[in-house]
Protein backbone atom coordinates (compact mmCIF):
# COMPACT_ATOMS: atom_id res chain seq x y z
CA UNK A 1 0.00 0.00 0.00
CA UNK A 2 1.45 3.37 -0.98
CA UNK A 3 1.71 6.22 1.48
CA UNK A 4 -1.14 8.01 -0.36
CA UNK A 5 -3.41 4.97 -0.01
CA UNK A 6 -2.53 4.61 3.68
CA UNK A 7 -3.45 8.25 4.24
CA UNK A 8 -6.67 7.85 2.27
CA UNK A 9 -7.64 4.86 4.41
CA UNK A 10 -7.02 6.93 7.53
CA UNK A 11 -8.72 10.15 6.38
CA UNK A 12 -12.31 10.04 5.15
CA UNK A 13 -12.91 11.99 1.99
CA UNK A 14 -9.70 11.13 0.19
CA UNK A 15 -11.24 8.67 -2.24
CA UNK A 16 -9.76 10.83 -4.98
CA UNK A 17 -6.26 9.60 -4.08
CA UNK A 18 -7.32 6.03 -4.74
CA UNK A 19 -8.88 6.94 -8.08
CA UNK A 20 -5.80 8.88 -9.16
CA UNK A 21 -3.40 6.13 -8.12
CA UNK A 22 -5.53 3.52 -9.90
CA UNK A 23 -5.48 5.60 -13.08
CA UNK A 24 -1.71 6.10 -12.83
CA UNK A 25 -1.21 2.35 -12.24
CA UNK A 26 -3.13 1.57 -15.44
CA UNK A 27 -1.33 4.27 -17.43
CA UNK A 28 2.07 3.16 -16.12
CA UNK A 29 1.19 -0.43 -17.01
CA UNK A 30 0.25 0.65 -20.52
CA UNK A 31 3.41 2.71 -21.01
CA UNK A 32 5.78 0.09 -19.58
CA UNK A 33 4.26 -2.65 -21.73
CA UNK A 34 4.40 -0.50 -24.87
CA UNK A 35 8.06 0.28 -24.13
CA UNK A 36 8.83 -3.41 -23.51
CA UNK A 37 7.47 -4.14 -26.99
CA UNK A 38 9.58 -1.38 -28.55
CA UNK A 39 6.50 0.70 -29.34
CA UNK A 40 6.34 4.47 -28.85
CA UNK A 41 5.23 5.71 -25.48
CA UNK A 42 3.12 8.79 -24.94
CA UNK A 43 2.85 11.39 -22.22
CA UNK A 44 0.04 10.97 -19.69
CA UNK A 45 -2.09 13.69 -21.32
CA UNK A 46 -1.56 12.07 -24.73
CA UNK A 47 -2.64 8.75 -23.24
CA UNK A 48 -5.80 10.39 -21.92
CA UNK A 49 -6.53 11.90 -25.35
CA UNK A 50 -6.12 8.45 -26.91
CA UNK A 51 -8.49 6.84 -24.40
CA UNK A 52 -11.14 9.53 -24.93
CA UNK A 53 -10.73 9.26 -28.71
CA UNK A 54 -11.49 5.55 -28.36
CA UNK A 55 -14.80 6.34 -26.63
CA UNK A 56 -15.86 8.93 -29.20
CA UNK A 57 -14.59 12.36 -28.12
CA UNK A 58 -13.58 14.13 -31.33
CA UNK A 59 -13.10 17.88 -30.91
CA UNK A 60 -10.07 19.44 -29.19
CA UNK A 61 -12.39 21.73 -27.19
CA UNK A 62 -14.28 18.67 -25.89
CA UNK A 63 -11.01 17.01 -24.81
CA UNK A 64 -10.11 20.18 -22.88
CA UNK A 65 -13.52 20.15 -21.15
CA UNK A 66 -13.56 16.48 -20.14
CA UNK A 67 -9.92 16.48 -19.04
CA UNK A 68 -10.05 19.86 -17.30
CA UNK A 69 -7.01 21.27 -19.08
CA UNK A 70 -6.41 24.22 -21.36
CA UNK A 71 -6.96 24.14 -25.11
CA UNK A 72 -3.27 24.99 -25.45
CA UNK A 73 -2.30 21.80 -23.54
CA UNK A 74 -4.67 19.71 -25.65
CA UNK A 75 -3.38 21.23 -28.88
CA UNK A 76 0.19 20.40 -27.83
CA UNK A 77 -0.77 16.80 -27.01
CA UNK A 78 -2.65 16.46 -30.31
CA UNK A 79 0.32 17.82 -32.29
CA UNK A 80 2.64 15.32 -30.58
CA UNK A 81 0.24 12.43 -31.26
CA UNK A 82 -0.03 13.55 -34.87
CA UNK A 83 3.78 13.63 -35.17
CA UNK A 84 3.82 10.06 -33.81
CA UNK A 85 1.26 9.09 -36.50
CA UNK A 86 -1.21 7.94 -33.84
CA UNK A 87 -4.02 10.37 -34.61
CA UNK A 88 -5.03 12.61 -37.46
CA UNK A 89 -6.96 15.84 -37.70
CA UNK A 90 -9.57 16.41 -40.36
CA UNK A 91 -11.87 19.38 -40.95
CA UNK A 92 -15.13 19.24 -39.02
CA UNK A 93 -17.93 19.01 -41.62
CA UNK A 94 -20.31 20.82 -39.23
CA UNK A 95 -17.96 23.70 -38.38
CA UNK A 96 -15.14 24.67 -40.73
CA UNK A 97 -13.29 26.44 -37.90
CA UNK A 98 -12.93 23.16 -35.96
CA UNK A 99 -11.01 19.94 -36.45
CA UNK A 100 -12.00 16.35 -35.74
CA UNK A 101 -9.55 14.00 -34.02
CA UNK A 102 -9.52 10.36 -35.11
CA UNK A 103 -7.11 7.45 -35.01
CA UNK A 104 -4.59 7.43 -37.83
CA UNK A 105 -4.52 4.33 -39.99
CA UNK A 106 -0.70 4.26 -39.68
CA UNK A 107 -1.05 3.91 -35.89
CA UNK A 108 -3.58 1.09 -35.98
CA UNK A 109 -1.13 -1.65 -34.87
CA UNK A 110 -0.22 0.46 -31.82
CA UNK A 111 -3.88 1.22 -31.04
CA UNK A 112 -4.73 -2.47 -31.19
CA UNK A 113 -1.77 -3.42 -28.99
CA UNK A 114 -2.65 -0.68 -26.48
CA UNK A 115 -6.24 -1.95 -26.30
CA UNK A 116 -4.95 -5.49 -25.78
CA UNK A 117 -2.59 -4.33 -23.01
CA UNK A 118 -5.37 -2.43 -21.23
CA UNK A 119 -7.62 -5.47 -21.47
CA UNK A 120 -4.89 -7.67 -19.99
CA UNK A 121 -4.23 -5.18 -17.19
CA UNK A 122 -7.94 -5.20 -16.32
CA UNK A 123 -7.91 -9.00 -16.40
CA UNK A 124 -4.94 -9.03 -14.00
CA UNK A 125 -6.90 -6.77 -11.65
CA UNK A 126 -9.88 -9.11 -11.86
CA UNK A 127 -7.60 -12.01 -10.87
CA UNK A 128 -6.20 -9.97 -7.95
CA UNK A 129 -9.45 -8.51 -6.62
CA UNK A 130 -12.10 -10.92 -7.87
CA UNK A 131 -14.84 -10.70 -10.43
CA UNK A 132 -17.44 -9.52 -7.91
CA UNK A 133 -15.29 -6.61 -6.69
CA UNK A 134 -14.36 -5.57 -10.22
CA UNK A 135 -18.00 -5.79 -11.30
CA UNK A 136 -19.05 -3.62 -8.37
CA UNK A 137 -16.30 -1.11 -9.16
CA UNK A 138 -17.36 -0.97 -12.83
CA UNK A 139 -20.98 -0.49 -11.78
CA UNK A 140 -20.09 2.46 -9.54
CA UNK A 141 -17.82 4.06 -12.13
CA UNK A 142 -20.38 3.68 -14.93
CA UNK A 143 -23.30 4.99 -12.85
CA UNK A 144 -24.68 8.47 -13.34
CA UNK A 145 -23.22 10.33 -10.38
CA UNK A 146 -25.54 13.27 -10.99
CA UNK A 147 -24.56 16.90 -10.59
CA UNK A 148 -21.81 17.80 -8.16
CA UNK A 149 -23.44 18.92 -4.90
CA UNK A 150 -22.78 22.43 -3.68
CA UNK A 151 -21.58 21.90 -0.13
CA UNK A 152 -21.13 25.52 0.90
CA UNK A 153 -24.06 27.05 2.74
CA UNK A 154 -25.03 30.72 2.33
CA UNK A 155 -22.50 31.37 5.08
CA UNK A 156 -19.18 30.51 3.32
CA UNK A 157 -17.64 29.34 6.61
CA UNK A 158 -20.25 26.58 7.06
CA UNK A 159 -20.52 23.37 5.09
CA UNK A 160 -23.87 21.67 4.46
CA UNK A 161 -24.32 18.20 5.87
CA UNK A 162 -25.24 15.59 3.27
CA UNK A 163 -28.13 13.32 4.22
C-alpha atoms as a PDB file:
ATOM      1  CA  UNK A   1       0.000   0.000   0.000  1.00  0.00           C
ATOM      2  CA  UNK A   2       1.450   3.365  -0.982  1.00  0.00           C
ATOM      3  CA  UNK A   3       1.711   6.221   1.475  1.00  0.00           C
ATOM      4  CA  UNK A   4      -1.141   8.009  -0.358  1.00  0.00           C
ATOM      5  CA  UNK A   5      -3.411   4.969  -0.008  1.00  0.00           C
ATOM      6  CA  UNK A   6      -2.531   4.614   3.677  1.00  0.00           C
ATOM      7  CA  UNK A   7      -3.447   8.253   4.243  1.00  0.00           C
ATOM      8  CA  UNK A   8      -6.673   7.845   2.270  1.00  0.00           C
ATOM      9  CA  UNK A   9      -7.637   4.861   4.407  1.00  0.00           C
ATOM     10  CA  UNK A  10      -7.018   6.932   7.534  1.00  0.00           C
ATOM     11  CA  UNK A  11      -8.721  10.147   6.381  1.00  0.00           C
ATOM     12  CA  UNK A  12     -12.309  10.041   5.155  1.00  0.00           C
ATOM     13  CA  UNK A  13     -12.909  11.993   1.987  1.00  0.00           C
ATOM     14  CA  UNK A  14      -9.697  11.129   0.189  1.00  0.00           C
ATOM     15  CA  UNK A  15     -11.243   8.669  -2.244  1.00  0.00           C
ATOM     16  CA  UNK A  16      -9.765  10.825  -4.982  1.00  0.00           C
ATOM     17  CA  UNK A  17      -6.263   9.604  -4.084  1.00  0.00           C
ATOM     18  CA  UNK A  18      -7.325   6.029  -4.740  1.00  0.00           C
ATOM     19  CA  UNK A  19      -8.883   6.940  -8.079  1.00  0.00           C
ATOM     20  CA  UNK A  20      -5.797   8.882  -9.158  1.00  0.00           C
ATOM     21  CA  UNK A  21      -3.405   6.130  -8.120  1.00  0.00           C
ATOM     22  CA  UNK A  22      -5.534   3.522  -9.896  1.00  0.00           C
ATOM     23  CA  UNK A  23      -5.481   5.599 -13.083  1.00  0.00           C
ATOM     24  CA  UNK A  24      -1.714   6.104 -12.828  1.00  0.00           C
ATOM     25  CA  UNK A  25      -1.205   2.348 -12.244  1.00  0.00           C
ATOM     26  CA  UNK A  26      -3.128   1.567 -15.443  1.00  0.00           C
ATOM     27  CA  UNK A  27      -1.332   4.267 -17.427  1.00  0.00           C
ATOM     28  CA  UNK A  28       2.070   3.156 -16.117  1.00  0.00           C
ATOM     29  CA  UNK A  29       1.194  -0.434 -17.010  1.00  0.00           C
ATOM     30  CA  UNK A  30       0.248   0.651 -20.518  1.00  0.00           C
ATOM     31  CA  UNK A  31       3.409   2.712 -21.010  1.00  0.00           C
ATOM     32  CA  UNK A  32       5.783   0.091 -19.583  1.00  0.00           C
ATOM     33  CA  UNK A  33       4.263  -2.647 -21.734  1.00  0.00           C
ATOM     34  CA  UNK A  34       4.401  -0.504 -24.874  1.00  0.00           C
ATOM     35  CA  UNK A  35       8.062   0.279 -24.128  1.00  0.00           C
ATOM     36  CA  UNK A  36       8.835  -3.406 -23.510  1.00  0.00           C
ATOM     37  CA  UNK A  37       7.467  -4.139 -26.993  1.00  0.00           C
ATOM     38  CA  UNK A  38       9.577  -1.380 -28.545  1.00  0.00           C
ATOM     39  CA  UNK A  39       6.496   0.701 -29.343  1.00  0.00           C
ATOM     40  CA  UNK A  40       6.342   4.465 -28.851  1.00  0.00           C
ATOM     41  CA  UNK A  41       5.233   5.707 -25.480  1.00  0.00           C
ATOM     42  CA  UNK A  42       3.115   8.787 -24.938  1.00  0.00           C
ATOM     43  CA  UNK A  43       2.854  11.388 -22.221  1.00  0.00           C
ATOM     44  CA  UNK A  44       0.037  10.969 -19.691  1.00  0.00           C
ATOM     45  CA  UNK A  45      -2.091  13.690 -21.324  1.00  0.00           C
ATOM     46  CA  UNK A  46      -1.560  12.074 -24.726  1.00  0.00           C
ATOM     47  CA  UNK A  47      -2.639   8.754 -23.244  1.00  0.00           C
ATOM     48  CA  UNK A  48      -5.803  10.389 -21.918  1.00  0.00           C
ATOM     49  CA  UNK A  49      -6.529  11.899 -25.346  1.00  0.00           C
ATOM     50  CA  UNK A  50      -6.124   8.454 -26.913  1.00  0.00           C
ATOM     51  CA  UNK A  51      -8.495   6.844 -24.398  1.00  0.00           C
ATOM     52  CA  UNK A  52     -11.143   9.530 -24.932  1.00  0.00           C
ATOM     53  CA  UNK A  53     -10.725   9.260 -28.714  1.00  0.00           C
ATOM     54  CA  UNK A  54     -11.489   5.546 -28.363  1.00  0.00           C
ATOM     55  CA  UNK A  55     -14.800   6.343 -26.632  1.00  0.00           C
ATOM     56  CA  UNK A  56     -15.863   8.931 -29.199  1.00  0.00           C
ATOM     57  CA  UNK A  57     -14.594  12.355 -28.122  1.00  0.00           C
ATOM     58  CA  UNK A  58     -13.576  14.133 -31.332  1.00  0.00           C
ATOM     59  CA  UNK A  59     -13.095  17.876 -30.906  1.00  0.00           C
ATOM     60  CA  UNK A  60     -10.073  19.443 -29.192  1.00  0.00           C
ATOM     61  CA  UNK A  61     -12.392  21.732 -27.193  1.00  0.00           C
ATOM     62  CA  UNK A  62     -14.278  18.673 -25.891  1.00  0.00           C
ATOM     63  CA  UNK A  63     -11.009  17.014 -24.807  1.00  0.00           C
ATOM     64  CA  UNK A  64     -10.113  20.182 -22.883  1.00  0.00           C
ATOM     65  CA  UNK A  65     -13.516  20.145 -21.148  1.00  0.00           C
ATOM     66  CA  UNK A  66     -13.562  16.480 -20.139  1.00  0.00           C
ATOM     67  CA  UNK A  67      -9.920  16.484 -19.042  1.00  0.00           C
ATOM     68  CA  UNK A  68     -10.051  19.862 -17.299  1.00  0.00           C
ATOM     69  CA  UNK A  69      -7.010  21.271 -19.079  1.00  0.00           C
ATOM     70  CA  UNK A  70      -6.405  24.225 -21.359  1.00  0.00           C
ATOM     71  CA  UNK A  71      -6.955  24.136 -25.113  1.00  0.00           C
ATOM     72  CA  UNK A  72      -3.271  24.991 -25.453  1.00  0.00           C
ATOM     73  CA  UNK A  73      -2.305  21.805 -23.541  1.00  0.00           C
ATOM     74  CA  UNK A  74      -4.671  19.712 -25.653  1.00  0.00           C
ATOM     75  CA  UNK A  75      -3.381  21.232 -28.882  1.00  0.00           C
ATOM     76  CA  UNK A  76       0.187  20.404 -27.830  1.00  0.00           C
ATOM     77  CA  UNK A  77      -0.771  16.801 -27.012  1.00  0.00           C
ATOM     78  CA  UNK A  78      -2.647  16.461 -30.314  1.00  0.00           C
ATOM     79  CA  UNK A  79       0.316  17.817 -32.289  1.00  0.00           C
ATOM     80  CA  UNK A  80       2.637  15.316 -30.583  1.00  0.00           C
ATOM     81  CA  UNK A  81       0.236  12.434 -31.263  1.00  0.00           C
ATOM     82  CA  UNK A  82      -0.033  13.551 -34.872  1.00  0.00           C
ATOM     83  CA  UNK A  83       3.778  13.633 -35.167  1.00  0.00           C
ATOM     84  CA  UNK A  84       3.823  10.062 -33.814  1.00  0.00           C
ATOM     85  CA  UNK A  85       1.264   9.087 -36.498  1.00  0.00           C
ATOM     86  CA  UNK A  86      -1.212   7.939 -33.836  1.00  0.00           C
ATOM     87  CA  UNK A  87      -4.018  10.373 -34.615  1.00  0.00           C
ATOM     88  CA  UNK A  88      -5.031  12.612 -37.461  1.00  0.00           C
ATOM     89  CA  UNK A  89      -6.961  15.842 -37.698  1.00  0.00           C
ATOM     90  CA  UNK A  90      -9.575  16.406 -40.362  1.00  0.00           C
ATOM     91  CA  UNK A  91     -11.871  19.379 -40.947  1.00  0.00           C
ATOM     92  CA  UNK A  92     -15.126  19.238 -39.020  1.00  0.00           C
ATOM     93  CA  UNK A  93     -17.930  19.012 -41.620  1.00  0.00           C
ATOM     94  CA  UNK A  94     -20.308  20.819 -39.229  1.00  0.00           C
ATOM     95  CA  UNK A  95     -17.956  23.696 -38.376  1.00  0.00           C
ATOM     96  CA  UNK A  96     -15.140  24.668 -40.731  1.00  0.00           C
ATOM     97  CA  UNK A  97     -13.295  26.436 -37.895  1.00  0.00           C
ATOM     98  CA  UNK A  98     -12.929  23.161 -35.956  1.00  0.00           C
ATOM     99  CA  UNK A  99     -11.012  19.944 -36.453  1.00  0.00           C
ATOM    100  CA  UNK A 100     -12.000  16.353 -35.737  1.00  0.00           C
ATOM    101  CA  UNK A 101      -9.548  13.995 -34.020  1.00  0.00           C
ATOM    102  CA  UNK A 102      -9.520  10.361 -35.108  1.00  0.00           C
ATOM    103  CA  UNK A 103      -7.114   7.448 -35.006  1.00  0.00           C
ATOM    104  CA  UNK A 104      -4.585   7.428 -37.828  1.00  0.00           C
ATOM    105  CA  UNK A 105      -4.516   4.328 -39.994  1.00  0.00           C
ATOM    106  CA  UNK A 106      -0.703   4.257 -39.675  1.00  0.00           C
ATOM    107  CA  UNK A 107      -1.047   3.915 -35.893  1.00  0.00           C
ATOM    108  CA  UNK A 108      -3.580   1.089 -35.982  1.00  0.00           C
ATOM    109  CA  UNK A 109      -1.129  -1.649 -34.873  1.00  0.00           C
ATOM    110  CA  UNK A 110      -0.222   0.461 -31.824  1.00  0.00           C
ATOM    111  CA  UNK A 111      -3.884   1.219 -31.038  1.00  0.00           C
ATOM    112  CA  UNK A 112      -4.728  -2.473 -31.193  1.00  0.00           C
ATOM    113  CA  UNK A 113      -1.773  -3.417 -28.995  1.00  0.00           C
ATOM    114  CA  UNK A 114      -2.652  -0.679 -26.478  1.00  0.00           C
ATOM    115  CA  UNK A 115      -6.244  -1.946 -26.297  1.00  0.00           C
ATOM    116  CA  UNK A 116      -4.954  -5.488 -25.776  1.00  0.00           C
ATOM    117  CA  UNK A 117      -2.586  -4.325 -23.011  1.00  0.00           C
ATOM    118  CA  UNK A 118      -5.366  -2.435 -21.226  1.00  0.00           C
ATOM    119  CA  UNK A 119      -7.621  -5.473 -21.468  1.00  0.00           C
ATOM    120  CA  UNK A 120      -4.887  -7.674 -19.993  1.00  0.00           C
ATOM    121  CA  UNK A 121      -4.230  -5.175 -17.193  1.00  0.00           C
ATOM    122  CA  UNK A 122      -7.935  -5.199 -16.320  1.00  0.00           C
ATOM    123  CA  UNK A 123      -7.907  -9.003 -16.399  1.00  0.00           C
ATOM    124  CA  UNK A 124      -4.944  -9.035 -13.998  1.00  0.00           C
ATOM    125  CA  UNK A 125      -6.903  -6.768 -11.648  1.00  0.00           C
ATOM    126  CA  UNK A 126      -9.882  -9.114 -11.863  1.00  0.00           C
ATOM    127  CA  UNK A 127      -7.597 -12.006 -10.871  1.00  0.00           C
ATOM    128  CA  UNK A 128      -6.201  -9.972  -7.952  1.00  0.00           C
ATOM    129  CA  UNK A 129      -9.447  -8.509  -6.622  1.00  0.00           C
ATOM    130  CA  UNK A 130     -12.105 -10.919  -7.867  1.00  0.00           C
ATOM    131  CA  UNK A 131     -14.840 -10.704 -10.434  1.00  0.00           C
ATOM    132  CA  UNK A 132     -17.437  -9.519  -7.905  1.00  0.00           C
ATOM    133  CA  UNK A 133     -15.293  -6.613  -6.693  1.00  0.00           C
ATOM    134  CA  UNK A 134     -14.365  -5.567 -10.225  1.00  0.00           C
ATOM    135  CA  UNK A 135     -18.002  -5.787 -11.296  1.00  0.00           C
ATOM    136  CA  UNK A 136     -19.051  -3.617  -8.367  1.00  0.00           C
ATOM    137  CA  UNK A 137     -16.296  -1.110  -9.165  1.00  0.00           C
ATOM    138  CA  UNK A 138     -17.358  -0.969 -12.827  1.00  0.00           C
ATOM    139  CA  UNK A 139     -20.982  -0.494 -11.780  1.00  0.00           C
ATOM    140  CA  UNK A 140     -20.094   2.465  -9.538  1.00  0.00           C
ATOM    141  CA  UNK A 141     -17.816   4.062 -12.134  1.00  0.00           C
ATOM    142  CA  UNK A 142     -20.382   3.676 -14.928  1.00  0.00           C
ATOM    143  CA  UNK A 143     -23.300   4.990 -12.849  1.00  0.00           C
ATOM    144  CA  UNK A 144     -24.683   8.472 -13.339  1.00  0.00           C
ATOM    145  CA  UNK A 145     -23.220  10.330 -10.384  1.00  0.00           C
ATOM    146  CA  UNK A 146     -25.543  13.274 -10.986  1.00  0.00           C
ATOM    147  CA  UNK A 147     -24.556  16.896 -10.594  1.00  0.00           C
ATOM    148  CA  UNK A 148     -21.806  17.801  -8.165  1.00  0.00           C
ATOM    149  CA  UNK A 149     -23.444  18.917  -4.903  1.00  0.00           C
ATOM    150  CA  UNK A 150     -22.780  22.425  -3.684  1.00  0.00           C
ATOM    151  CA  UNK A 151     -21.579  21.899  -0.126  1.00  0.00           C
ATOM    152  CA  UNK A 152     -21.127  25.518   0.903  1.00  0.00           C
ATOM    153  CA  UNK A 153     -24.058  27.054   2.742  1.00  0.00           C
ATOM    154  CA  UNK A 154     -25.027  30.723   2.330  1.00  0.00           C
ATOM    155  CA  UNK A 155     -22.504  31.374   5.076  1.00  0.00           C
ATOM    156  CA  UNK A 156     -19.184  30.515   3.324  1.00  0.00           C
ATOM    157  CA  UNK A 157     -17.637  29.336   6.606  1.00  0.00           C
ATOM    158  CA  UNK A 158     -20.253  26.581   7.058  1.00  0.00           C
ATOM    159  CA  UNK A 159     -20.525  23.367   5.094  1.00  0.00           C
ATOM    160  CA  UNK A 160     -23.867  21.670   4.463  1.00  0.00           C
ATOM    161  CA  UNK A 161     -24.324  18.201   5.874  1.00  0.00           C
ATOM    162  CA  UNK A 162     -25.238  15.594   3.271  1.00  0.00           C
ATOM    163  CA  UNK A 163     -28.127  13.325   4.219  1.00  0.00           C
END
